[in-house]
Amino acid sequence: MLHRFEVVNIKCGGCARSIENALRADARVKHVEVDIAGGVVSVDADEGARDAARATLLRLGYPEAGTAEGMQALAAKAKSFVSCAVGRLDRK
């Protein structure tokens, strides 16, 4: 089943790489596609994996659009900078 998440804070390939690597760590995930320009993460996974994927995106600093405000949005942005840096270093 295809799950589509419109998220914030995706800026580059490093962000996308971190997202892809983290989501693919879940055995229920078959495929991940990140549209950097559109801010969309598409995940082909079992129905039960949707909430886990959403939680992973939030943990990495890429919450769904409109779900984080104020300090929570600021914290997500800071986390996304770290995730981005890790993704840039992890060029396998």
N, C-alpha and C. Protein backbone atom coordinates (compact mmCIF):
# COMPACT_ATOMS: atom_id res chain seq x y z
N MET A 1 0.84 -1.16 0.00
CA MET A 1 0.00 0.00 0.00
C MET A 1 0.90 1.24 0.00
N LEU A 2 0.52 2.23 -0.79
CA LEU A 2 1.31 3.46 -0.89
C LEU A 2 0.81 4.49 0.12
N HIS A 3 1.73 4.97 0.94
CA HIS A 3 1.45 6.01 1.92
C HIS A 3 2.19 7.27 1.48
N ARG A 4 1.50 8.39 1.48
CA ARG A 4 2.09 9.64 1.01
C ARG A 4 2.07 10.65 2.15
N PHE A 5 3.23 11.22 2.45
CA PHE A 5 3.36 12.19 3.52
C PHE A 5 3.88 13.51 2.95
N GLU A 6 3.15 14.59 3.17
CA GLU A 6 3.64 15.92 2.82
C GLU A 6 4.34 16.44 4.07
N VAL A 7 5.65 16.63 3.96
CA VAL A 7 6.45 16.99 5.14
C VAL A 7 7.18 18.31 4.93
N VAL A 8 7.70 18.85 6.01
CA VAL A 8 8.46 20.09 5.96
C VAL A 8 9.93 19.81 6.23
N ASN A 9 10.77 20.76 5.89
CA ASN A 9 12.21 20.77 6.19
C ASN A 9 13.09 19.97 5.23
N ILE A 10 12.54 19.36 4.19
CA ILE A 10 13.39 18.66 3.22
C ILE A 10 14.05 19.70 2.32
N LYS A 11 15.37 19.70 2.30
CA LYS A 11 16.11 20.71 1.54
C LYS A 11 17.01 20.14 0.44
N CYS A 12 17.49 18.90 0.62
CA CYS A 12 18.51 18.42 -0.32
C CYS A 12 18.58 16.89 -0.34
N GLY A 13 19.53 16.40 -1.10
CA GLY A 13 19.75 14.97 -1.20
C GLY A 13 20.18 14.33 0.11
N GLY A 14 20.87 15.09 0.95
CA GLY A 14 21.26 14.57 2.27
C GLY A 14 20.04 14.28 3.12
N CYS A 15 19.07 15.18 3.08
CA CYS A 15 17.81 14.97 3.79
C CYS A 15 17.13 13.72 3.25
N ALA A 16 17.03 13.64 1.94
CA ALA A 16 16.36 12.50 1.30
C ALA A 16 17.05 11.19 1.67
N ARG A 17 18.36 11.17 1.65
CA ARG A 17 19.12 9.95 1.96
C ARG A 17 18.85 9.50 3.40
N SER A 18 18.84 10.44 4.34
CA SER A 18 18.55 10.09 5.73
C SER A 18 17.15 9.52 5.88
N ILE A 19 16.19 10.14 5.22
CA ILE A 19 14.81 9.66 5.27
C ILE A 19 14.71 8.26 4.68
N GLU A 20 15.28 8.07 3.50
CA GLU A 20 15.23 6.76 2.84
C GLU A 20 15.86 5.68 3.71
N ASN A 21 17.05 5.94 4.24
CA ASN A 21 17.74 4.94 5.05
C ASN A 21 16.96 4.59 6.31
N ALA A 22 16.41 5.59 6.98
CA ALA A 22 15.66 5.33 8.22
C ALA A 22 14.38 4.56 7.94
N LEU A 23 13.65 4.93 6.91
CA LEU A 23 12.40 4.24 6.61
C LEU A 23 12.64 2.83 6.10
N ARG A 24 13.68 2.62 5.33
CA ARG A 24 13.99 1.28 4.81
C ARG A 24 14.45 0.31 5.90
N ALA A 25 14.81 0.83 7.06
CA ALA A 25 15.21 -0.04 8.17
C ALA A 25 14.04 -0.87 8.70
N ASP A 26 12.82 -0.43 8.40
CA ASP A 26 11.61 -1.17 8.78
C ASP A 26 11.36 -2.24 7.72
N ALA A 27 11.34 -3.48 8.13
CA ALA A 27 11.18 -4.61 7.19
C ALA A 27 9.85 -4.57 6.44
N ARG A 28 8.87 -3.83 6.97
CA ARG A 28 7.56 -3.74 6.30
C ARG A 28 7.58 -2.78 5.12
N VAL A 29 8.65 -2.00 5.00
CA VAL A 29 8.76 -1.01 3.93
C VAL A 29 9.40 -1.65 2.70
N LYS A 30 8.70 -1.53 1.58
CA LYS A 30 9.19 -2.12 0.32
C LYS A 30 9.95 -1.10 -0.52
N HIS A 31 9.50 0.15 -0.51
CA HIS A 31 10.12 1.19 -1.35
C HIS A 31 9.85 2.55 -0.73
N VAL A 32 10.83 3.45 -0.88
CA VAL A 32 10.70 4.83 -0.40
C VAL A 32 11.12 5.76 -1.53
N GLU A 33 10.34 6.79 -1.75
CA GLU A 33 10.68 7.82 -2.74
C GLU A 33 10.50 9.18 -2.10
N VAL A 34 11.50 10.05 -2.26
CA VAL A 34 11.45 11.39 -1.68
C VAL A 34 11.48 12.41 -2.80
N ASP A 35 10.45 13.25 -2.84
CA ASP A 35 10.37 14.36 -3.79
C ASP A 35 10.82 15.60 -3.02
N ILE A 36 12.07 15.98 -3.22
CA ILE A 36 12.65 17.09 -2.47
C ILE A 36 11.92 18.39 -2.76
N ALA A 37 11.72 18.70 -4.03
CA ALA A 37 11.08 19.97 -4.41
C ALA A 37 9.64 20.06 -3.91
N GLY A 38 8.93 18.94 -3.93
CA GLY A 38 7.53 18.94 -3.51
C GLY A 38 7.33 18.70 -2.02
N GLY A 39 8.39 18.27 -1.33
CA GLY A 39 8.27 17.99 0.09
C GLY A 39 7.38 16.79 0.38
N VAL A 40 7.47 15.78 -0.50
CA VAL A 40 6.61 14.61 -0.37
C VAL A 40 7.46 13.35 -0.21
N VAL A 41 7.08 12.54 0.76
CA VAL A 41 7.72 11.24 0.98
C VAL A 41 6.66 10.18 0.70
N SER A 42 6.94 9.31 -0.26
CA SER A 42 6.03 8.21 -0.60
C SER A 42 6.65 6.91 -0.11
N VAL A 43 5.86 6.14 0.61
CA VAL A 43 6.35 4.91 1.21
C VAL A 43 5.42 3.76 0.81
N ASP A 44 5.99 2.77 0.13
CA ASP A 44 5.25 1.56 -0.21
C ASP A 44 5.50 0.57 0.92
N ALA A 45 4.46 0.33 1.74
CA ALA A 45 4.63 -0.51 2.92
C ALA A 45 3.30 -1.10 3.33
N ASP A 46 3.36 -2.03 4.25
CA ASP A 46 2.15 -2.60 4.82
C ASP A 46 1.34 -1.50 5.50
N GLU A 47 0.03 -1.71 5.61
CA GLU A 47 -0.86 -0.73 6.25
C GLU A 47 -0.38 -0.42 7.68
N GLY A 48 0.06 -1.42 8.39
CA GLY A 48 0.49 -1.23 9.77
C GLY A 48 1.75 -0.39 9.93
N ALA A 49 2.45 -0.13 8.85
CA ALA A 49 3.70 0.63 8.91
C ALA A 49 3.49 2.13 8.81
N ARG A 50 2.28 2.58 8.51
CA ARG A 50 2.02 4.01 8.31
C ARG A 50 2.38 4.85 9.54
N ASP A 51 1.90 4.45 10.70
CA ASP A 51 2.17 5.22 11.92
C ASP A 51 3.65 5.21 12.27
N ALA A 52 4.30 4.08 12.04
CA ALA A 52 5.74 3.99 12.32
C ALA A 52 6.52 4.90 11.38
N ALA A 53 6.11 4.96 10.12
CA ALA A 53 6.79 5.84 9.15
C ALA A 53 6.60 7.30 9.56
N ARG A 54 5.39 7.66 9.96
CA ARG A 54 5.12 9.03 10.41
C ARG A 54 5.99 9.38 11.62
N ALA A 55 6.10 8.45 12.56
CA ALA A 55 6.91 8.68 13.76
C ALA A 55 8.40 8.81 13.40
N THR A 56 8.86 8.01 12.46
CA THR A 56 10.25 8.09 12.02
C THR A 56 10.54 9.44 11.38
N LEU A 57 9.64 9.89 10.52
CA LEU A 57 9.82 11.20 9.89
C LEU A 57 9.88 12.31 10.94
N LEU A 58 9.01 12.25 11.94
CA LEU A 58 9.00 13.26 13.00
C LEU A 58 10.31 13.20 13.80
N ARG A 59 10.76 11.99 14.12
CA ARG A 59 12.01 11.82 14.88
C ARG A 59 13.20 12.42 14.14
N LEU A 60 13.19 12.30 12.82
CA LEU A 60 14.28 12.84 12.00
C LEU A 60 14.19 14.35 11.79
N GLY A 61 13.04 14.94 12.12
CA GLY A 61 12.87 16.38 11.93
C GLY A 61 12.08 16.75 10.69
N TYR A 62 11.32 15.81 10.15
CA TYR A 62 10.52 16.04 8.95
C TYR A 62 9.05 15.73 9.24
N PRO A 63 8.40 16.54 10.08
CA PRO A 63 6.99 16.27 10.42
C PRO A 63 6.07 16.58 9.25
N GLU A 64 4.89 16.00 9.30
CA GLU A 64 3.90 16.31 8.27
C GLU A 64 3.56 17.79 8.33
N ALA A 65 3.35 18.37 7.16
CA ALA A 65 3.03 19.79 7.06
C ALA A 65 1.81 20.11 7.92
N GLY A 66 1.92 21.20 8.68
CA GLY A 66 0.80 21.66 9.50
C GLY A 66 0.66 20.98 10.85
N THR A 67 1.56 20.07 11.20
CA THR A 67 1.43 19.36 12.48
C THR A 67 2.34 19.88 13.57
N ALA A 68 3.34 20.67 13.22
CA ALA A 68 4.27 21.18 14.22
C ALA A 68 4.25 22.71 14.20
N GLU A 69 4.10 23.29 15.38
CA GLU A 69 4.08 24.75 15.50
C GLU A 69 4.98 25.19 16.64
N GLY A 70 5.37 26.44 16.61
CA GLY A 70 6.14 27.02 17.70
C GLY A 70 7.44 26.28 17.98
N MET A 71 7.63 25.96 19.25
CA MET A 71 8.86 25.30 19.68
C MET A 71 9.01 23.91 19.06
N GLN A 72 7.90 23.24 18.85
CA GLN A 72 7.96 21.91 18.22
C GLN A 72 8.48 22.03 16.78
N ALA A 73 8.05 23.05 16.07
CA ALA A 73 8.52 23.27 14.70
C ALA A 73 9.99 23.64 14.70
N LEU A 74 10.41 24.45 15.67
CA LEU A 74 11.82 24.83 15.79
C LEU A 74 12.68 23.61 16.10
N ALA A 75 12.21 22.76 16.99
CA ALA A 75 12.95 21.53 17.33
C ALA A 75 13.06 20.61 16.10
N ALA A 76 11.97 20.52 15.34
CA ALA A 76 12.00 19.68 14.13
C ALA A 76 13.01 20.22 13.13
N LYS A 77 13.06 21.52 12.98
CA LYS A 77 14.02 22.12 12.04
C LYS A 77 15.45 21.80 12.47
N ALA A 78 15.73 21.91 13.76
CA ALA A 78 17.07 21.59 14.27
C ALA A 78 17.42 20.13 14.02
N LYS A 79 16.46 19.23 14.27
CA LYS A 79 16.69 17.81 14.03
C LYS A 79 16.95 17.54 12.55
N SER A 80 16.23 18.27 11.68
CA SER A 80 16.40 18.04 10.25
C SER A 80 17.79 18.45 9.78
N PHE A 81 18.39 19.47 10.41
CA PHE A 81 19.75 19.86 10.06
C PHE A 81 20.72 18.73 10.36
N VAL A 82 20.53 18.08 11.50
CA VAL A 82 21.39 16.95 11.88
C VAL A 82 21.17 15.79 10.91
N SER A 83 19.91 15.46 10.63
CA SER A 83 19.61 14.37 9.71
C SER A 83 20.20 14.64 8.33
N CYS A 84 20.11 15.88 7.89
CA CYS A 84 20.67 16.27 6.60
C CYS A 84 22.18 16.04 6.58
N ALA A 85 22.86 16.48 7.63
CA ALA A 85 24.31 16.31 7.69
C ALA A 85 24.70 14.84 7.67
N VAL A 86 23.97 14.03 8.41
CA VAL A 86 24.24 12.58 8.42
C VAL A 86 24.02 12.01 7.03
N GLY A 87 22.96 12.43 6.37
CA GLY A 87 22.67 11.94 5.02
C GLY A 87 23.75 12.34 4.02
N ARG A 88 24.31 13.53 4.18
CA ARG A 88 25.37 13.97 3.29
C ARG A 88 26.65 13.15 3.50
N LEU A 89 26.90 12.74 4.72
CA LEU A 89 28.09 11.95 5.03
C LEU A 89 27.93 10.49 4.63
N ASP A 90 26.68 10.03 4.58
CA ASP A 90 26.38 8.63 4.33
C ASP A 90 26.11 8.40 2.84
N ARG A 91 27.08 8.59 2.01
CA ARG A 91 26.93 8.44 0.55
C ARG A 91 27.40 7.07 0.13
N LYS A 92 26.58 6.08 0.35
CA LYS A 92 26.92 4.69 0.01
C LYS A 92 26.73 4.42 -1.44
